C-alpha atoms as a PDB file:
ATOM      1  CA  MET A   1      10.646 -12.711  45.763  1.00  0.00           C
ATOM      2  CA  ALA A   2       8.992  -9.429  44.805  1.00  0.00           C
ATOM      3  CA  SER A   3       7.476 -10.066  41.328  1.00  0.00           C
ATOM      4  CA  HIS A   4       8.413  -6.890  38.499  1.00  0.00           C
ATOM      5  CA  ARG A   5       6.374  -4.417  37.537  1.00  0.00           C
ATOM      6  CA  ARG A   6       6.722  -1.106  35.375  1.00  0.00           C
ATOM      7  CA  PRO A   7       4.445   1.802  34.874  1.00  0.00           C
ATOM      8  CA  TRP A   8       2.204   1.570  32.405  1.00  0.00           C
ATOM      9  CA  ALA A   9       0.187   4.845  31.393  1.00  0.00           C
ATOM     10  CA  GLY A  10       0.107   5.911  34.680  1.00  0.00           C
ATOM     11  CA  ARG A  11      -0.572   2.037  35.876  1.00  0.00           C
ATOM     12  CA  SER A  12       1.047  -0.909  37.399  1.00  0.00           C
ATOM     13  CA  VAL A  13       1.410  -3.341  34.856  1.00  0.00           C
ATOM     14  CA  PRO A  14       3.041  -6.921  35.527  1.00  0.00           C
ATOM     15  CA  ARG A  15       5.742  -7.917  32.370  1.00  0.00           C
ATOM     16  CA  TRP A  16       4.629 -11.418  31.908  1.00  0.00           C
ATOM     17  CA  VAL A  17       1.359  -9.653  30.374  1.00  0.00           C
ATOM     18  CA  LEU A  18       3.277  -7.965  27.909  1.00  0.00           C
ATOM     19  CA  TRP A  19       5.781 -10.844  27.024  1.00  0.00           C
ATOM     20  CA  PRO A  20       2.911 -13.721  24.968  1.00  0.00           C
ATOM     21  CA  PRO A  21       1.719  -9.968  22.230  1.00  0.00           C
ATOM     22  CA  ALA A  22       5.148  -9.285  21.965  1.00  0.00           C
ATOM     23  CA  ALA A  23       6.168 -12.587  21.150  1.00  0.00           C
ATOM     24  CA  ILE A  24       3.355 -12.412  18.655  1.00  0.00           C
ATOM     25  CA  LEU A  25       4.640  -9.191  17.212  1.00  0.00           C
ATOM     26  CA  ALA A  26       7.958 -10.599  16.575  1.00  0.00           C
ATOM     27  CA  VAL A  27       6.806 -13.856  14.566  1.00  0.00           C
ATOM     28  CA  LEU A  28       3.845 -11.289  12.533  1.00  0.00           C
ATOM     29  CA  LEU A  29       6.710  -9.698  11.447  1.00  0.00           C
ATOM     30  CA  PHE A  30       7.718 -11.760   9.197  1.00  0.00           C
ATOM     31  CA  VAL A  31       4.500 -14.192   8.179  1.00  0.00           C
ATOM     32  CA  GLY A  32       1.295 -13.426   7.386  1.00  0.00           C
ATOM     33  CA  GLY A  33      -0.226  -9.841   6.483  1.00  0.00           C
ATOM     34  CA  PRO A  34      -2.431  -8.455   3.637  1.00  0.00           C
ATOM     35  CA  GLY A  35      -2.640 -10.252  -0.015  1.00  0.00           C
ATOM     36  CA  TYR A  36      -0.707  -8.370  -3.222  1.00  0.00           C
ATOM     37  CA  HIS A  37      -4.452  -7.057  -3.674  1.00  0.00           C
ATOM     38  CA  SER A  38      -5.850  -6.704  -0.136  1.00  0.00           C
ATOM     39  CA  PRO A  39      -7.581  -3.479  -0.178  1.00  0.00           C
ATOM     40  CA  ARG A  40      -4.941  -0.453   0.929  1.00  0.00           C
ATOM     41  CA  SER A  41      -5.986   0.786   3.911  1.00  0.00           C
ATOM     42  CA  LEU A  42      -5.544  -3.172   5.313  1.00  0.00           C
ATOM     43  CA  GLN A  43      -2.237  -2.914   3.725  1.00  0.00           C
ATOM     44  CA  ALA A  44      -1.328   0.114   5.568  1.00  0.00           C
ATOM     45  CA  PHE A  45      -3.130  -0.650   8.940  1.00  0.00           C
ATOM     46  CA  TRP A  46      -0.745  -3.733   9.310  1.00  0.00           C
ATOM     47  CA  ASP A  47       2.523  -1.643   8.414  1.00  0.00           C
ATOM     48  CA  LEU A  48       1.354   0.075  11.123  1.00  0.00           C
ATOM     49  CA  GLY A  49       2.292  -3.198  13.293  1.00  0.00           C
ATOM     50  CA  HIS A  50       6.180  -2.309  13.382  1.00  0.00           C
ATOM     51  CA  ILE A  51       5.086   0.912  15.337  1.00  0.00           C
ATOM     52  CA  GLY A  52       3.232  -0.817  17.620  1.00  0.00           C
ATOM     53  CA  ALA A  53       5.834  -4.135  17.420  1.00  0.00           C
ATOM     54  CA  PHE A  54       9.545  -1.853  18.318  1.00  0.00           C
ATOM     55  CA  PHE A  55       6.932   0.733  21.298  1.00  0.00           C
ATOM     56  CA  LEU A  56       6.600  -2.407  23.209  1.00  0.00           C
ATOM     57  CA  TRP A  57      10.131  -4.340  22.551  1.00  0.00           C
ATOM     58  CA  THR A  58      11.745  -0.679  23.444  1.00  0.00           C
ATOM     59  CA  TYR A  59       9.611  -0.780  26.516  1.00  0.00           C
ATOM     60  CA  LEU A  60      10.797  -4.045  27.791  1.00  0.00           C
ATOM     61  CA  LEU A  61      14.086  -3.631  26.807  1.00  0.00           C
ATOM     62  CA  ILE A  62      14.683  -0.462  28.912  1.00  0.00           C
ATOM     63  CA  THR A  63      12.639  -1.289  31.653  1.00  0.00           C
ATOM     64  CA  GLY A  64      14.749  -4.134  32.402  1.00  0.00           C
ATOM     65  CA  LYS A  65      17.035  -4.865  35.389  1.00  0.00           C
ATOM     66  CA  ARG A  66      19.514  -4.303  33.368  1.00  0.00           C
ATOM     67  CA  LEU A  67      18.583  -0.601  32.594  1.00  0.00           C
ATOM     68  CA  VAL A  68      15.164   0.433  33.984  1.00  0.00           C
ATOM     69  CA  GLY A  69      17.986   2.356  36.727  1.00  0.00           C
ATOM     70  CA  ALA A  70      20.282   3.931  34.077  1.00  0.00           C
ATOM     71  CA  SER A  71      20.379   7.603  33.089  1.00  0.00           C
ATOM     72  CA  PRO A  72      18.029   8.511  30.432  1.00  0.00           C
ATOM     73  CA  VAL A  73      20.672   9.595  28.140  1.00  0.00           C
ATOM     74  CA  ARG A  74      21.820   5.835  28.421  1.00  0.00           C
ATOM     75  CA  GLN A  75      18.460   4.240  27.366  1.00  0.00           C
ATOM     76  CA  TRP A  76      18.021   6.691  25.005  1.00  0.00           C
ATOM     77  CA  THR A  77      21.549   5.475  23.017  1.00  0.00           C
ATOM     78  CA  VAL A  78      20.713   1.771  23.418  1.00  0.00           C
ATOM     79  CA  GLY A  79      16.996   1.860  22.808  1.00  0.00           C
ATOM     80  CA  LEU A  80      17.595   3.791  19.180  1.00  0.00           C
ATOM     81  CA  ALA A  81      20.575   1.876  18.564  1.00  0.00           C
ATOM     82  CA  PHE A  82      17.756  -1.855  19.312  1.00  0.00           C
ATOM     83  CA  CYS A  83      15.355  -0.636  16.955  1.00  0.00           C
ATOM     84  CA  ILE A  84      18.601   0.136  14.596  1.00  0.00           C
ATOM     85  CA  VAL A  85      19.702  -2.757  14.784  1.00  0.00           C
ATOM     86  CA  VAL A  86      17.086  -5.410  15.523  1.00  0.00           C
ATOM     87  CA  GLY A  87      14.608  -3.342  12.216  1.00  0.00           C
ATOM     88  CA  ALA A  88      17.972  -3.341   9.362  1.00  0.00           C
ATOM     89  CA  GLY A  89      18.805  -6.643  10.785  1.00  0.00           C
ATOM     90  CA  SER A  90      14.662  -7.991  10.288  1.00  0.00           C
ATOM     91  CA  GLU A  91      14.261  -6.351   7.439  1.00  0.00           C
ATOM     92  CA  TRP A  92      17.423  -7.414   5.225  1.00  0.00           C
ATOM     93  CA  ILE A  93      16.350 -11.017   7.129  1.00  0.00           C
ATOM     94  CA  GLN A  94      13.203 -10.371   5.040  1.00  0.00           C
ATOM     95  CA  SER A  95      14.975  -9.842   2.069  1.00  0.00           C
ATOM     96  CA  LEU A  96      16.200 -13.431   2.416  1.00  0.00           C
ATOM     97  CA  THR A  97      12.826 -14.615   2.655  1.00  0.00           C
ATOM     98  CA  GLY A  98      10.923 -13.893   0.019  1.00  0.00           C
ATOM     99  CA  ARG A  99       9.670 -10.574   1.267  1.00  0.00           C
ATOM    100  CA  ASP A 100      10.024  -7.661   0.178  1.00  0.00           C
ATOM    101  CA  ALA A 101      12.795  -4.763   2.528  1.00  0.00           C
ATOM    102  CA  SER A 102      11.453  -2.036   3.412  1.00  0.00           C
ATOM    103  CA  LEU A 103      12.483   1.804   4.367  1.00  0.00           C
ATOM    104  CA  ASP A 104       9.206   2.543   5.178  1.00  0.00           C
ATOM    105  CA  ASP A 105       9.068  -0.331   7.633  1.00  0.00           C
ATOM    106  CA  PHE A 106      12.465   0.480   9.103  1.00  0.00           C
ATOM    107  CA  LEU A 107      11.318   4.292   9.843  1.00  0.00           C
ATOM    108  CA  ARG A 108       7.831   2.961  11.390  1.00  0.00           C
ATOM    109  CA  ASP A 109      10.488   0.632  13.206  1.00  0.00           C
ATOM    110  CA  VAL A 110      12.351   4.116  14.622  1.00  0.00           C
ATOM    111  CA  VAL A 111       9.225   5.498  15.418  1.00  0.00           C
ATOM    112  CA  GLY A 112       8.114   3.416  17.921  1.00  0.00           C
ATOM    113  CA  GLY A 113      11.044   3.241  19.755  1.00  0.00           C
ATOM    114  CA  LEU A 114      10.797   6.883  20.173  1.00  0.00           C
ATOM    115  CA  LEU A 115       7.686   6.736  20.858  1.00  0.00           C
ATOM    116  CA  ALA A 116       8.395   4.633  23.867  1.00  0.00           C
ATOM    117  CA  LEU A 117      11.618   6.772  25.195  1.00  0.00           C
ATOM    118  CA  SER A 118       9.813   9.900  24.904  1.00  0.00           C
ATOM    119  CA  TRP A 119       6.402   9.137  26.772  1.00  0.00           C
ATOM    120  CA  ILE A 120       6.606   5.927  29.239  1.00  0.00           C
ATOM    121  CA  VAL A 121       9.887   4.612  29.702  1.00  0.00           C
ATOM    122  CA  PRO A 122       9.869   5.657  33.951  1.00  0.00           C
ATOM    123  CA  SER A 123      13.727   7.668  32.797  1.00  0.00           C
ATOM    124  CA  VAL A 124      11.383  10.180  30.795  1.00  0.00           C
ATOM    125  CA  LYS A 125      10.530  12.221  33.770  1.00  0.00           C
ATOM    126  CA  HIS A 126      13.411  12.933  34.174  1.00  0.00           C
ATOM    127  CA  LEU A 127      14.513  14.943  30.728  1.00  0.00           C
ATOM    128  CA  PRO A 128      14.668  18.439  31.210  1.00  0.00           C
ATOM    129  CA  PRO A 129      11.306  20.179  30.387  1.00  0.00           C
ATOM    130  CA  GLY A 130      12.350  21.740  26.814  1.00  0.00           C
ATOM    131  CA  ALA A 131      13.904  18.230  26.006  1.00  0.00           C
ATOM    132  CA  ARG A 132      10.778  16.137  26.891  1.00  0.00           C
ATOM    133  CA  ARG A 133       8.101  18.493  24.854  1.00  0.00           C
ATOM    134  CA  THR A 134      10.707  18.082  21.849  1.00  0.00           C
ATOM    135  CA  ALA A 135      11.009  14.327  22.249  1.00  0.00           C
ATOM    136  CA  ARG A 136       7.171  14.166  22.239  1.00  0.00           C
ATOM    137  CA  GLY A 137       6.434  16.784  19.750  1.00  0.00           C
ATOM    138  CA  LEU A 138       8.668  14.943  17.479  1.00  0.00           C
ATOM    139  CA  SER A 139       7.433  11.679  18.155  1.00  0.00           C
ATOM    140  CA  ALA A 140       4.078  12.464  17.647  1.00  0.00           C
ATOM    141  CA  SER A 141       4.560  14.448  14.429  1.00  0.00           C
ATOM    142  CA  PHE A 142       5.932  10.598  13.292  1.00  0.00           C
ATOM    143  CA  LEU A 143       3.212   8.994  14.627  1.00  0.00           C
ATOM    144  CA  LEU A 144       1.036  11.211  12.696  1.00  0.00           C
ATOM    145  CA  ILE A 145       3.123  11.251   9.464  1.00  0.00           C
ATOM    146  CA  ALA A 146       2.796   7.290   9.824  1.00  0.00           C
ATOM    147  CA  PHE A 147      -0.627   7.214   9.911  1.00  0.00           C
ATOM    148  CA  LEU A 148      -1.771   9.425   6.233  1.00  0.00           C
ATOM    149  CA  PRO A 149      -1.107   6.196   3.938  1.00  0.00           C
ATOM    150  CA  LEU A 150      -3.919   4.133   6.093  1.00  0.00           C
ATOM    151  CA  ALA A 151      -6.185   8.242   6.084  1.00  0.00           C
ATOM    152  CA  THR A 152      -5.236   8.323   2.231  1.00  0.00           C
ATOM    153  CA  ALA A 153      -6.546   4.830   1.700  1.00  0.00           C
ATOM    154  CA  LEU A 154      -9.263   4.909   3.887  1.00  0.00           C
ATOM    155  CA  GLY A 155     -10.640   8.126   2.371  1.00  0.00           C
ATOM    156  CA  ASP A 156     -10.022   6.947  -1.821  1.00  0.00           C
ATOM    157  CA  GLU A 157     -11.443   3.974  -0.660  1.00  0.00           C
ATOM    158  CA  MET A 158     -14.878   5.687   0.466  1.00  0.00           C
ATOM    159  CA  ALA A 159     -14.329   7.156  -2.038  1.00  0.00           C
ATOM    160  CA  ALA A 160     -14.561   4.565  -5.227  1.00  0.00           C
ATOM    161  CA  ARG A 161     -17.569   3.143  -3.193  1.00  0.00           C
ATOM    162  CA  SER A 162     -19.028   5.989  -3.310  1.00  0.00           C
ATOM    163  CA  GLY A 163     -18.652   6.479  -7.412  1.00  0.00           C
ATOM    164  CA  PHE A 164     -19.273   2.593  -8.726  1.00  0.00           C
ATOM    165  CA  PRO A 165     -19.819   1.867 -11.360  1.00  0.00           C
ATOM    166  CA  ILE A 166     -17.469   4.618 -12.347  1.00  0.00           C
ATOM    167  CA  LEU A 167     -14.322   2.876 -11.633  1.00  0.00           C
ATOM    168  CA  SER A 168     -11.539   5.827 -12.404  1.00  0.00           C
ATOM    169  CA  ASP A 169     -12.525   9.247 -13.160  1.00  0.00           C
ATOM    170  CA  PHE A 170      -9.712  11.118 -11.879  1.00  0.00           C
ATOM    171  CA  GLU A 171     -12.221  13.847 -10.857  1.00  0.00           C
ATOM    172  CA  THR A 172     -11.401  12.745  -6.852  1.00  0.00           C
ATOM    173  CA  PRO A 173      -7.485  13.929  -5.313  1.00  0.00           C
ATOM    174  CA  LEU A 174      -6.496  10.599  -3.893  1.00  0.00           C
ATOM    175  CA  GLU A 175      -7.655   8.396  -7.504  1.00  0.00           C
ATOM    176  CA  ARG A 176      -3.627   8.023  -8.831  1.00  0.00           C
ATOM    177  CA  SER A 177      -3.230   5.643  -5.628  1.00  0.00           C
ATOM    178  CA  ARG A 178      -5.793   3.226  -7.401  1.00  0.00           C
ATOM    179  CA  TRP A 179      -3.478   2.551 -10.535  1.00  0.00           C
ATOM    180  CA  GLU A 180       0.075   1.509 -10.695  1.00  0.00           C
ATOM    181  CA  GLY A 181       2.154   0.153 -14.137  1.00  0.00           C
ATOM    182  CA  GLY A 182       5.567   0.356 -14.769  1.00  0.00           C
ATOM    183  CA  ALA A 183       5.227   2.984 -16.756  1.00  0.00           C
ATOM    184  CA  ARG A 184       5.070   7.031 -15.647  1.00  0.00           C
ATOM    185  CA  PHE A 185       1.490   8.175 -15.003  1.00  0.00           C
ATOM    186  CA  GLU A 186       0.133  11.243 -13.391  1.00  0.00           C
ATOM    187  CA  VAL A 187      -3.248  13.445 -13.031  1.00  0.00           C
ATOM    188  CA  ASP A 188      -3.617  15.762 -16.243  1.00  0.00           C
ATOM    189  CA  SER A 189      -6.274  18.150 -15.580  1.00  0.00           C
ATOM    190  CA  THR A 190      -5.044  19.900 -19.120  1.00  0.00           C
ATOM    191  CA  VAL A 191      -7.036  16.971 -20.550  1.00  0.00           C
ATOM    192  CA  ALA A 192     -10.252  14.918 -20.008  1.00  0.00           C
ATOM    193  CA  ARG A 193     -13.243  13.212 -22.339  1.00  0.00           C
ATOM    194  CA  HIS A 194     -15.042  14.055 -19.343  1.00  0.00           C
ATOM    195  CA  GLY A 195     -14.941  16.191 -16.269  1.00  0.00           C
ATOM    196  CA  LYS A 196     -11.677  17.978 -15.073  1.00  0.00           C
ATOM    197  CA  ALA A 197      -9.061  15.255 -15.369  1.00  0.00           C
ATOM    198  CA  SER A 198      -7.624  12.555 -16.951  1.00  0.00           C
ATOM    199  CA  LEU A 199      -4.190   9.913 -16.637  1.00  0.00           C
ATOM    200  CA  ARG A 200      -1.261  10.827 -18.304  1.00  0.00           C
ATOM    201  CA  VAL A 201       0.719   7.370 -19.014  1.00  0.00           C
ATOM    202  CA  GLU A 202       3.721   7.947 -20.752  1.00  0.00           C
ATOM    203  CA  MET A 203       4.947   4.396 -21.932  1.00  0.00           C
ATOM    204  CA  ASP A 204       8.286   3.336 -23.209  1.00  0.00           C
ATOM    205  CA  THR A 205      10.252   0.837 -25.244  1.00  0.00           C
ATOM    206  CA  SER A 206      10.590  -2.278 -22.690  1.00  0.00           C
ATOM    207  CA  LEU A 207       8.673  -5.252 -22.922  1.00  0.00           C
ATOM    208  CA  TYR A 208       5.184  -4.507 -21.559  1.00  0.00           C
ATOM    209  CA  SER A 209       4.609  -0.716 -20.329  1.00  0.00           C
ATOM    210  CA  GLY A 210       1.511   0.886 -19.428  1.00  0.00           C
ATOM    211  CA  VAL A 211      -0.773   0.491 -15.470  1.00  0.00           C
ATOM    212  CA  SER A 212      -2.965  -1.521 -13.904  1.00  0.00           C
ATOM    213  CA  LEU A 213      -5.867  -0.537 -12.338  1.00  0.00           C
ATOM    214  CA  ALA A 214      -5.601  -1.845  -9.529  1.00  0.00           C
ATOM    215  CA  TYR A 215      -7.692  -1.046  -6.370  1.00  0.00           C
ATOM    216  CA  PHE A 216     -11.606  -0.772  -6.906  1.00  0.00           C
ATOM    217  CA  PRO A 217     -14.939  -2.162  -6.193  1.00  0.00           C
ATOM    218  CA  GLY A 218     -14.801  -5.843  -7.645  1.00  0.00           C
ATOM    219  CA  GLY A 219     -18.124  -6.744  -7.864  1.00  0.00           C
ATOM    220  CA  TRP A 220     -18.909  -6.536 -11.258  1.00  0.00           C
ATOM    221  CA  ARG A 221     -21.852  -9.211 -11.637  1.00  0.00           C
ATOM    222  CA  GLY A 222     -25.105  -6.993 -13.045  1.00  0.00           C
ATOM    223  CA  TYR A 223     -23.411  -4.950 -15.093  1.00  0.00           C
ATOM    224  CA  ARG A 224     -23.389  -5.661 -18.969  1.00  0.00           C
ATOM    225  CA  PHE A 225     -19.876  -3.736 -20.349  1.00  0.00           C
ATOM    226  CA  LEU A 226     -16.602  -2.174 -18.967  1.00  0.00           C
ATOM    227  CA  VAL A 227     -15.961   1.256 -20.595  1.00  0.00           C
ATOM    228  CA  ILE A 228     -12.497   2.921 -20.551  1.00  0.00           C
ATOM    229  CA  GLU A 229     -11.793   6.310 -22.565  1.00  0.00           C
ATOM    230  CA  VAL A 230      -8.366   5.907 -24.240  1.00  0.00           C
ATOM    231  CA  LEU A 231      -6.850   9.082 -26.087  1.00  0.00           C
ATOM    232  CA  ASN A 232      -3.959   8.506 -28.038  1.00  0.00           C
ATOM    233  CA  PRO A 233      -2.372  12.184 -28.858  1.00  0.00           C
ATOM    234  CA  SER A 234      -0.085  10.734 -31.444  1.00  0.00           C
ATOM    235  CA  PRO A 235      -0.829  11.408 -35.560  1.00  0.00           C
ATOM    236  CA  GLU A 236       0.153   7.354 -35.634  1.00  0.00           C
ATOM    237  CA  LEU A 237      -1.921   4.401 -34.809  1.00  0.00           C
ATOM    238  CA  LEU A 238      -1.452   2.877 -30.561  1.00  0.00           C
ATOM    239  CA  GLU A 239      -0.839  -0.384 -30.227  1.00  0.00           C
ATOM    240  CA  ILE A 240      -2.243  -1.080 -26.724  1.00  0.00           C
ATOM    241  CA  THR A 241      -3.525  -4.574 -24.867  1.00  0.00           C
ATOM    242  CA  CYS A 242      -6.303  -4.842 -22.521  1.00  0.00           C
ATOM    243  CA  ARG A 243      -5.358  -7.247 -20.107  1.00  0.00           C
ATOM    244  CA  ILE A 244      -8.297  -8.813 -16.937  1.00  0.00           C
ATOM    245  CA  HIS A 245      -8.286 -11.068 -14.449  1.00  0.00           C
ATOM    246  CA  ASP A 246      -9.784 -11.876 -11.166  1.00  0.00           C
ATOM    247  CA  ARG A 247      -9.244 -13.161  -7.706  1.00  0.00           C
ATOM    248  CA  ARG A 248      -9.030 -17.166  -9.532  1.00  0.00           C
ATOM    249  CA  HIS A 249      -6.093 -16.597 -11.817  1.00  0.00           C
ATOM    250  CA  GLU A 250      -4.607 -14.394  -9.229  1.00  0.00           C
ATOM    251  CA  GLU A 251      -4.540 -17.278  -6.623  1.00  0.00           C
ATOM    252  CA  GLY A 252      -2.975 -19.531  -9.321  1.00  0.00           C
ATOM    253  CA  GLU A 253      -0.307 -19.969 -12.270  1.00  0.00           C
ATOM    254  CA  ARG A 254      -1.474 -16.781 -13.906  1.00  0.00           C
ATOM    255  CA  ARG A 255      -1.405 -18.231 -17.550  1.00  0.00           C
ATOM    256  CA  TYR A 256      -1.537 -16.299 -20.196  1.00  0.00           C
ATOM    257  CA  GLN A 257      -5.092 -18.484 -20.921  1.00  0.00           C
ATOM    258  CA  ASP A 258      -6.661 -17.793 -18.149  1.00  0.00           C
ATOM    259  CA  ARG A 259      -7.182 -13.957 -18.607  1.00  0.00           C
ATOM    260  CA  PHE A 260      -9.184 -11.767 -20.713  1.00  0.00           C
ATOM    261  CA  ASN A 261      -6.854 -10.190 -23.542  1.00  0.00           C
ATOM    262  CA  ARG A 262      -7.875  -7.895 -26.283  1.00  0.00           C
ATOM    263  CA  PHE A 263      -5.229  -6.346 -28.894  1.00  0.00           C
ATOM    264  CA  TYR A 264      -6.794  -2.733 -30.037  1.00  0.00           C
ATOM    265  CA  ARG A 265      -5.389  -0.254 -32.926  1.00  0.00           C
ATOM    266  CA  LEU A 266      -5.764   3.101 -31.471  1.00  0.00           C
ATOM    267  CA  PRO A 267      -6.143   6.232 -34.242  1.00  0.00           C
ATOM    268  CA  PRO A 268      -6.014   9.473 -33.317  1.00  0.00           C
ATOM    269  CA  GLY A 269      -8.088  11.071 -30.972  1.00  0.00           C
ATOM    270  CA  TRP A 270     -10.466   9.870 -28.383  1.00  0.00           C
ATOM    271  CA  ASN A 271     -10.906   6.182 -28.655  1.00  0.00           C
ATOM    272  CA  GLU A 272     -13.910   4.163 -26.195  1.00  0.00           C
ATOM    273  CA  LEU A 273     -13.458   0.621 -25.609  1.00  0.00           C
ATOM    274  CA  ARG A 274     -16.504  -1.080 -24.488  1.00  0.00           C
ATOM    275  CA  ILE A 275     -15.951  -5.025 -23.564  1.00  0.00           C
ATOM    276  CA  ASP A 276     -18.333  -7.029 -22.869  1.00  0.00           C
ATOM    277  CA  LEU A 277     -18.464  -8.530 -19.479  1.00  0.00           C
ATOM    278  CA  GLY A 278     -19.942 -11.695 -21.095  1.00  0.00           C
ATOM    279  CA  ASP A 279     -16.883 -11.950 -23.252  1.00  0.00           C
ATOM    280  CA  VAL A 280     -14.613 -11.531 -20.214  1.00  0.00           C
ATOM    281  CA  ALA A 281     -16.556 -13.884 -18.422  1.00  0.00           C
ATOM    282  CA  ARG A 282     -15.603 -16.764 -21.293  1.00  0.00           C
ATOM    283  CA  ALA A 283     -12.415 -15.428 -21.604  1.00  0.00           C
ATOM    284  CA  PRO A 284     -10.118 -18.429 -19.336  1.00  0.00           C
ATOM    285  CA  ALA A 285      -9.819 -21.374 -20.610  1.00  0.00           C
ATOM    286  CA  GLY A 286     -11.566 -24.316 -18.866  1.00  0.00           C
ATOM    287  CA  ARG A 287     -13.730 -21.967 -16.750  1.00  0.00           C
ATOM    288  CA  THR A 288     -15.400 -18.773 -15.968  1.00  0.00           C
ATOM    289  CA  MET A 289     -14.247 -15.904 -14.936  1.00  0.00           C
ATOM    290  CA  ASP A 290     -16.347 -14.623 -11.332  1.00  0.00           C
ATOM    291  CA  LEU A 291     -17.425 -11.643 -12.638  1.00  0.00           C
ATOM    292  CA  GLY A 292     -17.713 -10.867  -8.656  1.00  0.00           C
ATOM    293  CA  GLU A 293     -14.426 -10.964  -7.876  1.00  0.00           C
ATOM    294  CA  ILE A 294     -12.142  -8.773  -9.923  1.00  0.00           C
ATOM    295  CA  ARG A 295      -9.009  -7.691  -9.341  1.00  0.00           C
ATOM    296  CA  ALA A 296      -6.927  -5.677 -11.920  1.00  0.00           C
ATOM    297  CA  VAL A 297      -7.470  -4.326 -15.169  1.00  0.00           C
ATOM    298  CA  GLY A 298      -4.531  -2.935 -17.232  1.00  0.00           C
ATOM    299  CA  LEU A 299      -3.634  -1.153 -20.035  1.00  0.00           C
ATOM    300  CA  PHE A 300       0.003  -1.469 -21.959  1.00  0.00           C
ATOM    301  CA  ALA A 301       2.082  -1.563 -24.923  1.00  0.00           C
ATOM    302  CA  MET A 302       4.906  -4.273 -25.989  1.00  0.00           C
ATOM    303  CA  LYS A 303       8.014  -3.363 -26.984  1.00  0.00           C
ATOM    304  CA  LEU A 304       7.321  -0.299 -28.513  1.00  0.00           C
ATOM    305  CA  PRO A 305       9.782   1.303 -31.332  1.00  0.00           C
ATOM    306  CA  LYS A 306       9.676   4.536 -29.418  1.00  0.00           C
ATOM    307  CA  PRO A 307       8.001   5.919 -25.968  1.00  0.00           C
ATOM    308  CA  ARG A 308       4.418   6.856 -26.606  1.00  0.00           C
ATOM    309  CA  SER A 309       1.414   7.849 -24.212  1.00  0.00           C
ATOM    310  CA  MET A 310      -1.472   7.710 -23.633  1.00  0.00           C
ATOM    311  CA  TYR A 311      -4.700   9.192 -21.628  1.00  0.00           C
ATOM    312  CA  LEU A 312      -7.611   7.319 -19.829  1.00  0.00           C
ATOM    313  CA  ASP A 313     -10.656   8.873 -18.752  1.00  0.00           C
ATOM    314  CA  SER A 314     -13.795   7.104 -17.717  1.00  0.00           C
ATOM    315  CA  VAL A 315     -13.009   4.298 -16.369  1.00  0.00           C
ATOM    316  CA  ARG A 316     -16.740   2.427 -15.862  1.00  0.00           C
ATOM    317  CA  LEU A 317     -18.937  -0.087 -15.981  1.00  0.00           C
ATOM    318  CA  GLU A 318     -22.302   0.128 -17.598  1.00  0.00           C
END
């Protein structure tokens, strides 16, 4: 019996060669992946695996015995239906297994299928030239958009390494992505202690409201202080807490006693929080915090009686 071969980028590729990576990608869709505070670039690269998986699966589906000779309309209909149904179904299954369902991942699934349909399935050569150019142009544009998070992450990670020991001073265009949290926050170019901008944080009345510096070089050995400039724009005192934790805390039970916590009452105007890293290292009960594996620095308020704001600037090590 003749082996079934299909064109792949102009070359004859045995289908059996493609099935093992297709199976591996199916497993990786549900297991593994970067940790919560893995580099953003690794997370963004991992997310692109959805495109690769559905690109390959759509190709194998369309070049199977039942569809390889079908019309382009039927192949596109079946291919897109496959991406939509399987993509949505996989996100639903992930939501049942403790992982997060993601609309972005679903869209990447569809982009992967579009790329296969518009570039490499055999019937693409039978499309009218205008339709073929349009399909390829759209799929290539969607692919470029999908790569933007990876490019953004790589750019800011390079800037963070270059600027260290400054952890965040809001002078580069991508720095906002280093921060996360339940409060609303935005880079503000009208207020600054140093340079041209700061981070405006709008805290609400929830139990905990604030922000966390989550992506930064975490090797702090050899430095004595963490310094954070905080502006309280109100005439009233602002009460906030600073928390710092390392990798061991993050991977453990995340107990309050296993991290650094310090309470501050900030008067109106700019305040300099100068935190001795020796205190940080000694903060966890029964162990020493690893200053070579710091994972997050948080600033938050608790049970505010009314919404308040603060500005952060020049977060640095000295």
